[in-house]
Amino acid sequence: MNNYQLAMKKALEKTYDSTCDVKILKPNKINGITKMEESTILSNIPCKVSFSNISKNDETDKESKTSQIIKLFLSPEYKIEPGSKLVISKNNISTIYKNSGVPAIYDTHQEIMLEVWKDWA
């Protein structure tokens, strides 16, 4: 990473106003029985969540359909697999999301599209 990229990475990280815990399901064998258990693999990662709304209108629609895009920004050195459970905390409020796809990884940051958590798939 060159000096310019490093400066950009540090500037982006100054905007991170939240923290993130990453959880996955891992097999745990007890007395010969394997059960899937939730395990925290990363904790207190600095991050930022961005929200944007998209409205879609068709000529036949009687009402606007709006969907929300939720995007997580964090440092590129963390590996977060699709389907991971992410607990994002800001101002003592935690919200649970899931990673809905493969991250877009850049030299200075990564972007991960999120969905509101429902349950393990």
PDB file of N, CA and C in Angstrom:
ATOM      1  N   MET A   1       0.847  -1.173   0.000  1.00  0.00           N
ATOM      2  CA  MET A   1       0.000   0.000   0.000  1.00  0.00           C
ATOM      3  C   MET A   1       0.897   1.242   0.000  1.00  0.00           C
ATOM      4  N   ASN A   2       0.636   2.153  -0.939  1.00  0.00           N
ATOM      5  CA  ASN A   2       1.459   3.355  -1.000  1.00  0.00           C
ATOM      6  C   ASN A   2       0.984   4.391   0.026  1.00  0.00           C
ATOM      7  N   ASN A   3       1.732   5.489   0.158  1.00  0.00           N
ATOM      8  CA  ASN A   3       1.417   6.494   1.173  1.00  0.00           C
ATOM      9  C   ASN A   3       0.052   7.136   0.957  1.00  0.00           C
ATOM     10  N   TYR A   4      -0.324   7.360  -0.297  1.00  0.00           N
ATOM     11  CA  TYR A   4      -1.617   7.957  -0.601  1.00  0.00           C
ATOM     12  C   TYR A   4      -2.752   7.024  -0.158  1.00  0.00           C
ATOM     13  N   GLN A   5      -2.632   5.747  -0.486  1.00  0.00           N
ATOM     14  CA  GLN A   5      -3.661   4.777  -0.096  1.00  0.00           C
ATOM     15  C   GLN A   5      -3.755   4.655   1.431  1.00  0.00           C
ATOM     16  N   LEU A   6      -2.594   4.680   2.077  1.00  0.00           N
ATOM     17  CA  LEU A   6      -2.570   4.595   3.533  1.00  0.00           C
ATOM     18  C   LEU A   6      -3.261   5.811   4.151  1.00  0.00           C
ATOM     19  N   ALA A   7      -3.013   6.986   3.609  1.00  0.00           N
ATOM     20  CA  ALA A   7      -3.663   8.207   4.098  1.00  0.00           C
ATOM     21  C   ALA A   7      -5.170   8.140   3.875  1.00  0.00           C
ATOM     22  N   MET A   8      -5.587   7.626   2.725  1.00  0.00           N
ATOM     23  CA  MET A   8      -7.020   7.492   2.439  1.00  0.00           C
ATOM     24  C   MET A   8      -7.666   6.487   3.396  1.00  0.00           C
ATOM     25  N   LYS A   9      -6.971   5.395   3.669  1.00  0.00           N
ATOM     26  CA  LYS A   9      -7.494   4.373   4.583  1.00  0.00           C
ATOM     27  C   LYS A   9      -7.683   4.977   5.975  1.00  0.00           C
ATOM     28  N   LYS A  10      -6.709   5.722   6.448  1.00  0.00           N
ATOM     29  CA  LYS A  10      -6.808   6.350   7.773  1.00  0.00           C
ATOM     30  C   LYS A  10      -7.931   7.375   7.812  1.00  0.00           C
ATOM     31  N   ALA A  11      -8.106   8.130   6.722  1.00  0.00           N
ATOM     32  CA  ALA A  11      -9.188   9.125   6.659  1.00  0.00           C
ATOM     33  C   ALA A  11     -10.550   8.444   6.721  1.00  0.00           C
ATOM     34  N   LEU A  12     -10.715   7.343   5.987  1.00  0.00           N
ATOM     35  CA  LEU A  12     -11.974   6.599   6.026  1.00  0.00           C
ATOM     36  C   LEU A  12     -12.242   6.043   7.420  1.00  0.00           C
ATOM     37  N   GLU A  13     -11.209   5.517   8.057  1.00  0.00           N
ATOM     38  CA  GLU A  13     -11.375   4.906   9.372  1.00  0.00           C
ATOM     39  C   GLU A  13     -11.794   5.928  10.425  1.00  0.00           C
ATOM     40  N   LYS A  14     -11.495   7.209  10.206  1.00  0.00           N
ATOM     41  CA  LYS A  14     -11.935   8.254  11.130  1.00  0.00           C
ATOM     42  C   LYS A  14     -13.447   8.435  11.095  1.00  0.00           C
ATOM     43  N   THR A  15     -14.088   7.988  10.023  1.00  0.00           N
ATOM     44  CA  THR A  15     -15.545   8.115   9.919  1.00  0.00           C
ATOM     45  C   THR A  15     -16.271   6.942  10.573  1.00  0.00           C
ATOM     46  N   TYR A  16     -15.557   5.896  10.951  1.00  0.00           N
ATOM     47  CA  TYR A  16     -16.187   4.721  11.550  1.00  0.00           C
ATOM     48  C   TYR A  16     -16.729   5.103  12.927  1.00  0.00           C
ATOM     49  N   ASP A  17     -18.046   4.982  13.094  1.00  0.00           N
ATOM     50  CA  ASP A  17     -18.703   5.415  14.320  1.00  0.00           C
ATOM     51  C   ASP A  17     -19.432   4.281  15.044  1.00  0.00           C
ATOM     52  N   SER A  18     -19.191   3.061  14.621  1.00  0.00           N
ATOM     53  CA  SER A  18     -19.862   1.888  15.193  1.00  0.00           C
ATOM     54  C   SER A  18     -18.841   0.777  15.395  1.00  0.00           C
ATOM     55  N   THR A  19     -19.292  -0.288  16.056  1.00  0.00           N
ATOM     56  CA  THR A  19     -18.462  -1.494  16.169  1.00  0.00           C
ATOM     57  C   THR A  19     -19.291  -2.694  15.730  1.00  0.00           C
ATOM     58  N   CYS A  20     -18.587  -3.738  15.335  1.00  0.00           N
ATOM     59  CA  CYS A  20     -19.239  -4.909  14.766  1.00  0.00           C
ATOM     60  C   CYS A  20     -18.662  -6.184  15.375  1.00  0.00           C
ATOM     61  N   ASP A  21     -19.563  -7.103  15.731  1.00  0.00           N
ATOM     62  CA  ASP A  21     -19.174  -8.457  16.119  1.00  0.00           C
ATOM     63  C   ASP A  21     -19.643  -9.393  15.012  1.00  0.00           C
ATOM     64  N   VAL A  22     -18.815 -10.352  14.647  1.00  0.00           N
ATOM     65  CA  VAL A  22     -19.148 -11.297  13.582  1.00  0.00           C
ATOM     66  C   VAL A  22     -19.311 -12.679  14.191  1.00  0.00           C
ATOM     67  N   LYS A  23     -20.444 -13.305  13.868  1.00  0.00           N
ATOM     68  CA  LYS A  23     -20.754 -14.633  14.406  1.00  0.00           C
ATOM     69  C   LYS A  23     -21.022 -15.603  13.257  1.00  0.00           C
ATOM     70  N   ILE A  24     -20.637 -16.848  13.464  1.00  0.00           N
ATOM     71  CA  ILE A  24     -20.900 -17.912  12.495  1.00  0.00           C
ATOM     72  C   ILE A  24     -21.418 -19.139  13.241  1.00  0.00           C
ATOM     73  N   LEU A  25     -21.955 -20.091  12.500  1.00  0.00           N
ATOM     74  CA  LEU A  25     -22.320 -21.379  13.081  1.00  0.00           C
ATOM     75  C   LEU A  25     -21.143 -22.332  12.923  1.00  0.00           C
ATOM     76  N   LYS A  26     -20.763 -22.979  14.023  1.00  0.00           N
ATOM     77  CA  LYS A  26     -19.667 -23.943  13.992  1.00  0.00           C
ATOM     78  C   LYS A  26     -20.152 -25.259  14.580  1.00  0.00           C
ATOM     79  N   PRO A  27     -19.670 -26.369  14.020  1.00  0.00           N
ATOM     80  CA  PRO A  27     -20.048 -27.661  14.605  1.00  0.00           C
ATOM     81  C   PRO A  27     -19.354 -27.867  15.953  1.00  0.00           C
ATOM     82  N   ASN A  28     -20.098 -28.411  16.919  1.00  0.00           N
ATOM     83  CA  ASN A  28     -19.559 -28.712  18.237  1.00  0.00           C
ATOM     84  C   ASN A  28     -19.996 -30.130  18.593  1.00  0.00           C
ATOM     85  N   LYS A  29     -19.013 -31.004  18.803  1.00  0.00           N
ATOM     86  CA  LYS A  29     -19.318 -32.408  19.079  1.00  0.00           C
ATOM     87  C   LYS A  29     -19.217 -32.662  20.588  1.00  0.00           C
ATOM     88  N   ILE A  30     -20.349 -33.101  21.160  1.00  0.00           N
ATOM     89  CA  ILE A  30     -20.400 -33.441  22.587  1.00  0.00           C
ATOM     90  C   ILE A  30     -21.029 -34.819  22.713  1.00  0.00           C
ATOM     91  N   ASN A  31     -20.301 -35.729  23.375  1.00  0.00           N
ATOM     92  CA  ASN A  31     -20.783 -37.105  23.590  1.00  0.00           C
ATOM     93  C   ASN A  31     -21.193 -37.772  22.279  1.00  0.00           C
ATOM     94  N   GLY A  32     -20.425 -37.534  21.224  1.00  0.00           N
ATOM     95  CA  GLY A  32     -20.676 -38.172  19.940  1.00  0.00           C
ATOM     96  C   GLY A  32     -21.779 -37.521  19.113  1.00  0.00           C
ATOM     97  N   ILE A  33     -22.386 -36.462  19.645  1.00  0.00           N
ATOM     98  CA  ILE A  33     -23.451 -35.771  18.912  1.00  0.00           C
ATOM     99  C   ILE A  33     -22.930 -34.401  18.470  1.00  0.00           C
ATOM    100  N   THR A  34     -23.051 -34.140  17.171  1.00  0.00           N
ATOM    101  CA  THR A  34     -22.589 -32.858  16.641  1.00  0.00           C
ATOM    102  C   THR A  34     -23.771 -31.910  16.523  1.00  0.00           C
ATOM    103  N   LYS A  35     -23.622 -30.754  17.142  1.00  0.00           N
ATOM    104  CA  LYS A  35     -24.639 -29.707  17.060  1.00  0.00           C
ATOM    105  C   LYS A  35     -23.970 -28.440  16.529  1.00  0.00           C
ATOM    106  N   MET A  36     -24.738 -27.661  15.784  1.00  0.00           N
ATOM    107  CA  MET A  36     -24.237 -26.392  15.292  1.00  0.00           C
ATOM    108  C   MET A  36     -24.476 -25.336  16.370  1.00  0.00           C
ATOM    109  N   GLU A  37     -23.415 -24.609  16.711  1.00  0.00           N
ATOM    110  CA  GLU A  37     -23.512 -23.582  17.745  1.00  0.00           C
ATOM    111  C   GLU A  37     -22.965 -22.267  17.215  1.00  0.00           C
ATOM    112  N   GLU A  38     -23.571 -21.186  17.680  1.00  0.00           N
ATOM    113  CA  GLU A  38     -23.127 -19.857  17.283  1.00  0.00           C
ATOM    114  C   GLU A  38     -21.812 -19.529  17.979  1.00  0.00           C
ATOM    115  N   SER A  39     -20.869 -18.976  17.210  1.00  0.00           N
ATOM    116  CA  SER A  39     -19.557 -18.650  17.744  1.00  0.00           C
ATOM    117  C   SER A  39     -19.139 -17.267  17.242  1.00  0.00           C
ATOM    118  N   THR A  40     -18.662 -16.413  18.142  1.00  0.00           N
ATOM    119  CA  THR A  40     -18.160 -15.092  17.759  1.00  0.00           C
ATOM    120  C   THR A  40     -16.732 -15.255  17.272  1.00  0.00           C
ATOM    121  N   ILE A  41     -16.469 -14.860  16.018  1.00  0.00           N
ATOM    122  CA  ILE A  41     -15.127 -15.013  15.458  1.00  0.00           C
ATOM    123  C   ILE A  41     -14.362 -13.689  15.388  1.00  0.00           C
ATOM    124  N   LEU A  42     -15.079 -12.570  15.372  1.00  0.00           N
ATOM    125  CA  LEU A  42     -14.463 -11.245  15.407  1.00  0.00           C
ATOM    126  C   LEU A  42     -15.292 -10.375  16.341  1.00  0.00           C
ATOM    127  N   SER A  43     -14.619  -9.480  17.076  1.00  0.00           N
ATOM    128  CA  SER A  43     -15.338  -8.674  18.049  1.00  0.00           C
ATOM    129  C   SER A  43     -14.819  -7.239  18.056  1.00  0.00           C
ATOM    130  N   ASN A  44     -15.730  -6.298  18.242  1.00  0.00           N
ATOM    131  CA  ASN A  44     -15.410  -4.869  18.366  1.00  0.00           C
ATOM    132  C   ASN A  44     -14.629  -4.298  17.181  1.00  0.00           C
ATOM    133  N   ILE A  45     -15.008  -4.680  15.967  1.00  0.00           N
ATOM    134  CA  ILE A  45     -14.370  -4.152  14.771  1.00  0.00           C
ATOM    135  C   ILE A  45     -14.949  -2.766  14.484  1.00  0.00           C
ATOM    136  N   PRO A  46     -14.111  -1.736  14.352  1.00  0.00           N
ATOM    137  CA  PRO A  46     -14.622  -0.411  13.989  1.00  0.00           C
ATOM    138  C   PRO A  46     -15.245  -0.454  12.586  1.00  0.00           C
ATOM    139  N   CYS A  47     -16.392   0.210  12.417  1.00  0.00           N
ATOM    140  CA  CYS A  47     -17.096   0.175  11.140  1.00  0.00           C
ATOM    141  C   CYS A  47     -18.038   1.364  11.017  1.00  0.00           C
ATOM    142  N   LYS A  48     -18.681   1.448   9.863  1.00  0.00           N
ATOM    143  CA  LYS A  48     -19.712   2.450   9.611  1.00  0.00           C
ATOM    144  C   LYS A  48     -20.800   1.797   8.773  1.00  0.00           C
ATOM    145  N   VAL A  49     -22.056   2.112   9.093  1.00  0.00           N
ATOM    146  CA  VAL A  49     -23.183   1.598   8.332  1.00  0.00           C
ATOM    147  C   VAL A  49     -23.807   2.758   7.575  1.00  0.00           C
ATOM    148  N   SER A  50     -24.099   2.504   6.305  1.00  0.00           N
ATOM    149  CA  SER A  50     -24.735   3.503   5.450  1.00  0.00           C
ATOM    150  C   SER A  50     -26.095   2.981   5.018  1.00  0.00           C
ATOM    151  N   PHE A  51     -27.099   3.862   5.059  1.00  0.00           N
ATOM    152  CA  PHE A  51     -28.457   3.509   4.651  1.00  0.00           C
ATOM    153  C   PHE A  51     -28.874   4.393   3.488  1.00  0.00           C
ATOM    154  N   SER A  52     -29.515   3.799   2.493  1.00  0.00           N
ATOM    155  CA  SER A  52     -30.107   4.591   1.417  1.00  0.00           C
ATOM    156  C   SER A  52     -31.400   3.906   0.982  1.00  0.00           C
ATOM    157  N   ASN A  53     -32.335   4.713   0.556  1.00  0.00           N
ATOM    158  CA  ASN A  53     -33.632   4.199   0.113  1.00  0.00           C
ATOM    159  C   ASN A  53     -33.750   4.334  -1.388  1.00  0.00           C
ATOM    160  N   ILE A  54     -34.363   3.351  -1.992  1.00  0.00           N
ATOM    161  CA  ILE A  54     -34.612   3.369  -3.426  1.00  0.00           C
ATOM    162  C   ILE A  54     -36.113   3.224  -3.626  1.00  0.00           C
ATOM    163  N   SER A  55     -36.697   4.172  -4.343  1.00  0.00           N
ATOM    164  CA  SER A  55     -38.124   4.084  -4.657  1.00  0.00           C
ATOM    165  C   SER A  55     -38.272   3.611  -6.079  1.00  0.00           C
ATOM    166  N   LYS A  56     -39.233   2.728  -6.291  1.00  0.00           N
ATOM    167  CA  LYS A  56     -39.473   2.169  -7.613  1.00  0.00           C
ATOM    168  C   LYS A  56     -40.939   2.377  -7.951  1.00  0.00           C
ATOM    169  N   ASN A  57     -41.197   3.112  -8.985  1.00  0.00           N
ATOM    170  CA  ASN A  57     -42.573   3.350  -9.421  1.00  0.00           C
ATOM    171  C   ASN A  57     -42.758   2.844 -10.838  1.00  0.00           C
ATOM    172  N   ASP A  58     -43.825   2.147 -11.058  1.00  0.00           N
ATOM    173  CA  ASP A  58     -44.234   1.740 -12.393  1.00  0.00           C
ATOM    174  C   ASP A  58     -45.518   2.488 -12.720  1.00  0.00           C
ATOM    175  N   GLU A  59     -45.823   2.612 -13.983  1.00  0.00           N
ATOM    176  CA  GLU A  59     -47.045   3.312 -14.376  1.00  0.00           C
ATOM    177  C   GLU A  59     -48.287   2.653 -13.802  1.00  0.00           C
ATOM    178  N   THR A  60     -48.218   1.362 -13.526  1.00  0.00           N
ATOM    179  CA  THR A  60     -49.392   0.653 -13.012  1.00  0.00           C
ATOM    180  C   THR A  60     -49.444   0.647 -11.486  1.00  0.00           C
ATOM    181  N   ASP A  61     -48.358   1.097 -10.839  1.00  0.00           N
ATOM    182  CA  ASP A  61     -48.347   1.104  -9.377  1.00  0.00           C
ATOM    183  C   ASP A  61     -49.248   2.194  -8.820  1.00  0.00           C
ATOM    184  N   LYS A  62     -50.009   1.849  -7.798  1.00  0.00           N
ATOM    185  CA  LYS A  62     -50.847   2.834  -7.128  1.00  0.00           C
ATOM    186  C   LYS A  62     -50.112   3.441  -5.937  1.00  0.00           C
ATOM    187  N   GLU A  63     -49.062   2.781  -5.499  1.00  0.00           N
ATOM    188  CA  GLU A  63     -48.282   3.305  -4.385  1.00  0.00           C
ATOM    189  C   GLU A  63     -46.806   3.068  -4.646  1.00  0.00           C
ATOM    190  N   SER A  64     -45.974   3.870  -3.989  1.00  0.00           N
ATOM    191  CA  SER A  64     -44.533   3.735  -4.174  1.00  0.00           C
ATOM    192  C   SER A  64     -44.016   2.516  -3.444  1.00  0.00           C
ATOM    193  N   LYS A  65     -43.117   1.812  -4.075  1.00  0.00           N
ATOM    194  CA  LYS A  65     -42.430   0.698  -3.436  1.00  0.00           C
ATOM    195  C   LYS A  65     -41.023   1.191  -3.105  1.00  0.00           C
ATOM    196  N   THR A  66     -40.667   1.079  -1.848  1.00  0.00           N
ATOM    197  CA  THR A  66     -39.369   1.558  -1.397  1.00  0.00           C
ATOM    198  C   THR A  66     -38.608   0.399  -0.788  1.00  0.00           C
ATOM    199  N   SER A  67     -37.349   0.301  -1.136  1.00  0.00           N
ATOM    200  CA  SER A  67     -36.496  -0.693  -0.496  1.00  0.00           C
ATOM    201  C   SER A  67     -35.281   0.029   0.071  1.00  0.00           C
ATOM    202  N   GLN A  68     -34.735  -0.522   1.127  1.00  0.00           N
ATOM    203  CA  GLN A  68     -33.594   0.100   1.787  1.00  0.00           C
ATOM    204  C   GLN A  68     -32.339  -0.691   1.481  1.00  0.00           C
ATOM    205  N   ILE A  69     -31.282   0.031   1.154  1.00  0.00           N
ATOM    206  CA  ILE A  69     -29.976  -0.578   0.939  1.00  0.00           C
ATOM    207  C   ILE A  69     -29.133  -0.268   2.169  1.00  0.00           C
ATOM    208  N   ILE A  70     -28.598  -1.332   2.771  1.00  0.00           N
ATOM    209  CA  ILE A  70     -27.774  -1.194   3.971  1.00  0.00           C
ATOM    210  C   ILE A  70     -26.372  -1.681   3.612  1.00  0.00           C
ATOM    211  N   LYS A  71     -25.384  -0.813   3.813  1.00  0.00           N
ATOM    212  CA  LYS A  71     -24.020  -1.143   3.426  1.00  0.00           C
ATOM    213  C   LYS A  71     -23.088  -0.920   4.613  1.00  0.00           C
ATOM    214  N   LEU A  72     -22.234  -1.893   4.855  1.00  0.00           N
ATOM    215  CA  LEU A  72     -21.256  -1.832   5.942  1.00  0.00           C
ATOM    216  C   LEU A  72     -19.887  -1.504   5.368  1.00  0.00           C
ATOM    217  N   PHE A  73     -19.197  -0.556   5.990  1.00  0.00           N
ATOM    218  CA  PHE A  73     -17.837  -0.180   5.612  1.00  0.00           C
ATOM    219  C   PHE A  73     -16.908  -0.560   6.758  1.00  0.00           C
ATOM    220  N   LEU A  74     -15.818  -1.247   6.435  1.00  0.00           N
ATOM    221  CA  LEU A  74     -14.820  -1.592   7.433  1.00  0.00           C
ATOM    222  C   LEU A  74     -13.478  -1.849   6.767  1.00  0.00           C
ATOM    223  N   SER A  75     -12.466  -2.019   7.577  1.00  0.00           N
ATOM    224  CA  SER A  75     -11.114  -2.222   7.080  1.00  0.00           C
ATOM    225  C   SER A  75     -11.025  -3.499   6.240  1.00  0.00           C
ATOM    226  N   PRO A  76     -10.171  -3.513   5.210  1.00  0.00           N
ATOM    227  CA  PRO A  76     -10.114  -4.660   4.302  1.00  0.00           C
ATOM    228  C   PRO A  76      -9.445  -5.906   4.872  1.00  0.00           C
ATOM    229  N   GLU A  77      -8.803  -5.804   6.019  1.00  0.00           N
ATOM    230  CA  GLU A  77      -8.074  -6.982   6.522  1.00  0.00           C
ATOM    231  C   GLU A  77      -8.958  -8.024   7.197  1.00  0.00           C
ATOM    232  N   TYR A  78     -10.220  -7.730   7.434  1.00  0.00           N
ATOM    233  CA  TYR A  78     -11.114  -8.689   8.061  1.00  0.00           C
ATOM    234  C   TYR A  78     -11.807  -9.541   7.011  1.00  0.00           C
ATOM    235  N   LYS A  79     -11.861 -10.850   7.264  1.00  0.00           N
ATOM    236  CA  LYS A  79     -12.544 -11.763   6.339  1.00  0.00           C
ATOM    237  C   LYS A  79     -13.907 -12.098   6.927  1.00  0.00           C
ATOM    238  N   ILE A  80     -14.945 -11.681   6.193  1.00  0.00           N
ATOM    239  CA  ILE A  80     -16.312 -11.918   6.648  1.00  0.00           C
ATOM    240  C   ILE A  80     -17.037 -12.685   5.561  1.00  0.00           C
ATOM    241  N   GLU A  81     -17.411 -13.912   5.881  1.00  0.00           N
ATOM    242  CA  GLU A  81     -18.038 -14.806   4.909  1.00  0.00           C
ATOM    243  C   GLU A  81     -19.499 -14.453   4.675  1.00  0.00           C
ATOM    244  N   PRO A  82     -20.004 -14.667   3.462  1.00  0.00           N
ATOM    245  CA  PRO A  82     -21.433 -14.489   3.210  1.00  0.00           C
ATOM    246  C   PRO A  82     -22.256 -15.349   4.164  1.00  0.00           C
ATOM    247  N   GLY A  83     -23.357 -14.787   4.658  1.00  0.00           N
ATOM    248  CA  GLY A  83     -24.220 -15.506   5.588  1.00  0.00           C
ATOM    249  C   GLY A  83     -23.850 -15.323   7.046  1.00  0.00           C
ATOM    250  N   SER A  84     -22.746 -14.622   7.322  1.00  0.00           N
ATOM    251  CA  SER A  84     -22.358 -14.374   8.709  1.00  0.00           C
ATOM    252  C   SER A  84     -23.384 -13.488   9.399  1.00  0.00           C
ATOM    253  N   LYS A  85     -23.507 -13.649  10.694  1.00  0.00           N
ATOM    254  CA  LYS A  85     -24.368 -12.798  11.509  1.00  0.00           C
ATOM    255  C   LYS A  85     -23.513 -11.658  12.030  1.00  0.00           C
ATOM    256  N   LEU A  86     -23.993 -10.410  11.854  1.00  0.00           N
ATOM    257  CA  LEU A  86     -23.236  -9.239  12.281  1.00  0.00           C
ATOM    258  C   LEU A  86     -24.057  -8.446  13.292  1.00  0.00           C
ATOM    259  N   VAL A  87     -23.487  -8.217  14.458  1.00  0.00           N
ATOM    260  CA  VAL A  87     -24.131  -7.404  15.480  1.00  0.00           C
ATOM    261  C   VAL A  87     -23.411  -6.062  15.479  1.00  0.00           C
ATOM    262  N   ILE A  88     -24.119  -5.035  15.016  1.00  0.00           N
ATOM    263  CA  ILE A  88     -23.509  -3.711  14.880  1.00  0.00           C
ATOM    264  C   ILE A  88     -24.060  -2.811  15.969  1.00  0.00           C
ATOM    265  N   SER A  89     -23.139  -2.181  16.703  1.00  0.00           N
ATOM    266  CA  SER A  89     -23.522  -1.346  17.843  1.00  0.00           C
ATOM    267  C   SER A  89     -23.074   0.090  17.635  1.00  0.00           C
ATOM    268  N   LYS A  90     -23.987   1.013  17.979  1.00  0.00           N
ATOM    269  CA  LYS A  90     -23.707   2.448  17.921  1.00  0.00           C
ATOM    270  C   LYS A  90     -24.553   3.116  18.996  1.00  0.00           C
ATOM    271  N   ASN A  91     -23.930   3.963  19.792  1.00  0.00           N
ATOM    272  CA  ASN A  91     -24.629   4.687  20.854  1.00  0.00           C
ATOM    273  C   ASN A  91     -25.425   3.748  21.772  1.00  0.00           C
ATOM    274  N   ASN A  92     -24.815   2.646  22.157  1.00  0.00           N
ATOM    275  CA  ASN A  92     -25.418   1.654  23.061  1.00  0.00           C
ATOM    276  C   ASN A  92     -26.674   0.981  22.497  1.00  0.00           C
ATOM    277  N   ILE A  93     -26.843   1.015  21.170  1.00  0.00           N
ATOM    278  CA  ILE A  93     -27.943   0.321  20.515  1.00  0.00           C
ATOM    279  C   ILE A  93     -27.339  -0.686  19.540  1.00  0.00           C
ATOM    280  N   SER A  94     -27.758  -1.941  19.660  1.00  0.00           N
ATOM    281  CA  SER A  94     -27.247  -2.996  18.778  1.00  0.00           C
ATOM    282  C   SER A  94     -28.340  -3.451  17.821  1.00  0.00           C
ATOM    283  N   THR A  95     -27.951  -3.638  16.556  1.00  0.00           N
ATOM    284  CA  THR A  95     -28.852  -4.143  15.538  1.00  0.00           C
ATOM    285  C   THR A  95     -28.192  -5.350  14.894  1.00  0.00           C
ATOM    286  N   ILE A  96     -28.984  -6.367  14.594  1.00  0.00           N
ATOM    287  CA  ILE A  96     -28.433  -7.600  14.030  1.00  0.00           C
ATOM    288  C   ILE A  96     -28.739  -7.656  12.539  1.00  0.00           C
ATOM    289  N   TYR A  97     -27.695  -7.952  11.761  1.00  0.00           N
ATOM    290  CA  TYR A  97     -27.795  -8.061  10.310  1.00  0.00           C
ATOM    291  C   TYR A  97     -27.150  -9.367   9.870  1.00  0.00           C
ATOM    292  N   LYS A  98     -27.334  -9.669   8.583  1.00  0.00           N
ATOM    293  CA  LYS A  98     -26.560 -10.759   7.999  1.00  0.00           C
ATOM    294  C   LYS A  98     -25.863 -10.223   6.767  1.00  0.00           C
ATOM    295  N   ASN A  99     -24.707 -10.786   6.516  1.00  0.00           N
ATOM    296  CA  ASN A  99     -23.933 -10.449   5.331  1.00  0.00           C
ATOM    297  C   ASN A  99     -24.608 -11.135   4.157  1.00  0.00           C
ATOM    298  N   SER A 100     -25.094 -10.335   3.211  1.00  0.00           N
ATOM    299  CA  SER A 100     -25.904 -10.920   2.144  1.00  0.00           C
ATOM    300  C   SER A 100     -25.129 -11.250   0.883  1.00  0.00           C
ATOM    301  N   GLY A 101     -23.830 -11.094   0.902  1.00  0.00           N
ATOM    302  CA  GLY A 101     -23.075 -11.415  -0.303  1.00  0.00           C
ATOM    303  C   GLY A 101     -21.578 -11.315  -0.093  1.00  0.00           C
ATOM    304  N   VAL A 102     -20.851 -11.460  -1.175  1.00  0.00           N
ATOM    305  CA  VAL A 102     -19.394 -11.380  -1.148  1.00  0.00           C
ATOM    306  C   VAL A 102     -18.992  -9.913  -1.012  1.00  0.00           C
ATOM    307  N   PRO A 103     -18.081  -9.585  -0.097  1.00  0.00           N
ATOM    308  CA  PRO A 103     -17.669  -8.195   0.081  1.00  0.00           C
ATOM    309  C   PRO A 103     -16.945  -7.645  -1.147  1.00  0.00           C
ATOM    310  N   ALA A 104     -17.108  -6.338  -1.366  1.00  0.00           N
ATOM    311  CA  ALA A 104     -16.303  -5.625  -2.366  1.00  0.00           C
ATOM    312  C   ALA A 104     -15.089  -5.108  -1.602  1.00  0.00           C
ATOM    313  N   ILE A 105     -13.918  -5.660  -1.904  1.00  0.00           N
ATOM    314  CA  ILE A 105     -12.715  -5.320  -1.142  1.00  0.00           C
ATOM    315  C   ILE A 105     -11.821  -4.409  -1.962  1.00  0.00           C
ATOM    316  N   TYR A 106     -11.473  -3.266  -1.365  1.00  0.00           N
ATOM    317  CA  TYR A 106     -10.598  -2.270  -1.971  1.00  0.00           C
ATOM    318  C   TYR A 106      -9.341  -2.143  -1.114  1.00  0.00           C
ATOM    319  N   ASP A 107      -8.353  -1.404  -1.602  1.00  0.00           N
ATOM    320  CA  ASP A 107      -7.126  -1.221  -0.827  1.00  0.00           C
ATOM    321  C   ASP A 107      -7.394  -0.508   0.500  1.00  0.00           C
ATOM    322  N   THR A 108      -8.359   0.406   0.509  1.00  0.00           N
ATOM    323  CA  THR A 108      -8.593   1.252   1.673  1.00  0.00           C
ATOM    324  C   THR A 108      -9.717   0.784   2.584  1.00  0.00           C
ATOM    325  N   HIS A 109     -10.626  -0.044   2.071  1.00  0.00           N
ATOM    326  CA  HIS A 109     -11.784  -0.476   2.850  1.00  0.00           C
ATOM    327  C   HIS A 109     -12.476  -1.634   2.141  1.00  0.00           C
ATOM    328  N   GLN A 110     -13.495  -2.156   2.768  1.00  0.00           N
ATOM    329  CA  GLN A 110     -14.381  -3.117   2.104  1.00  0.00           C
ATOM    330  C   GLN A 110     -15.819  -2.701   2.352  1.00  0.00           C
ATOM    331  N   GLU A 111     -16.677  -3.067   1.422  1.00  0.00           N
ATOM    332  CA  GLU A 111     -18.096  -2.753   1.508  1.00  0.00           C
ATOM    333  C   GLU A 111     -18.871  -4.058   1.463  1.00  0.00           C
ATOM    334  N   ILE A 112     -19.797  -4.200   2.415  1.00  0.00           N
ATOM    335  CA  ILE A 112     -20.583  -5.421   2.517  1.00  0.00           C
ATOM    336  C   ILE A 112     -22.061  -5.036   2.549  1.00  0.00           C
ATOM    337  N   MET A 113     -22.816  -5.616   1.657  1.00  0.00           N
ATOM    338  CA  MET A 113     -24.258  -5.391   1.647  1.00  0.00           C
ATOM    339  C   MET A 113     -24.883  -6.219   2.768  1.00  0.00           C
ATOM    340  N   LEU A 114     -25.796  -5.589   3.513  1.00  0.00           N
ATOM    341  CA  LEU A 114     -26.412  -6.239   4.659  1.00  0.00           C
ATOM    342  C   LEU A 114     -27.915  -6.385   4.478  1.00  0.00           C
ATOM    343  N   GLU A 115     -28.462  -7.330   5.194  1.00  0.00           N
ATOM    344  CA  GLU A 115     -29.903  -7.505   5.319  1.00  0.00           C
ATOM    345  C   GLU A 115     -30.209  -7.604   6.808  1.00  0.00           C
ATOM    346  N   VAL A 116     -31.410  -7.187   7.185  1.00  0.00           N
ATOM    347  CA  VAL A 116     -31.820  -7.328   8.571  1.00  0.00           C
ATOM    348  C   VAL A 116     -31.880  -8.821   8.902  1.00  0.00           C
ATOM    349  N   TRP A 117     -31.350  -9.190  10.051  1.00  0.00           N
ATOM    350  CA  TRP A 117     -31.275 -10.595  10.469  1.00  0.00           C
ATOM    351  C   TRP A 117     -32.658 -11.163  10.724  1.00  0.00           C
ATOM    352  N   LYS A 118     -32.909 -12.354  10.203  1.00  0.00           N
ATOM    353  CA  LYS A 118     -34.151 -13.071  10.483  1.00  0.00           C
ATOM    354  C   LYS A 118     -33.838 -14.333  11.287  1.00  0.00           C
ATOM    355  N   ASP A 119     -32.957 -15.192  10.751  1.00  0.00           N
ATOM    356  CA  ASP A 119     -32.591 -16.426  11.432  1.00  0.00           C
ATOM    357  C   ASP A 119     -31.477 -17.076  10.632  1.00  0.00           C
ATOM    358  N   TRP A 120     -30.816 -18.063  11.236  1.00  0.00           N
ATOM    359  CA  TRP A 120     -29.821 -18.815  10.493  1.00  0.00           C
ATOM    360  C   TRP A 120     -30.517 -19.531   9.356  1.00  0.00           C
ATOM    361  N   ALA A 121     -29.869 -19.538   8.198  1.00  0.00           N
ATOM    362  CA  ALA A 121     -30.462 -20.196   7.016  1.00  0.00           C
ATOM    363  C   ALA A 121     -30.451 -21.697   7.186  1.00  0.00           C
TER     364      ALA A 121
END
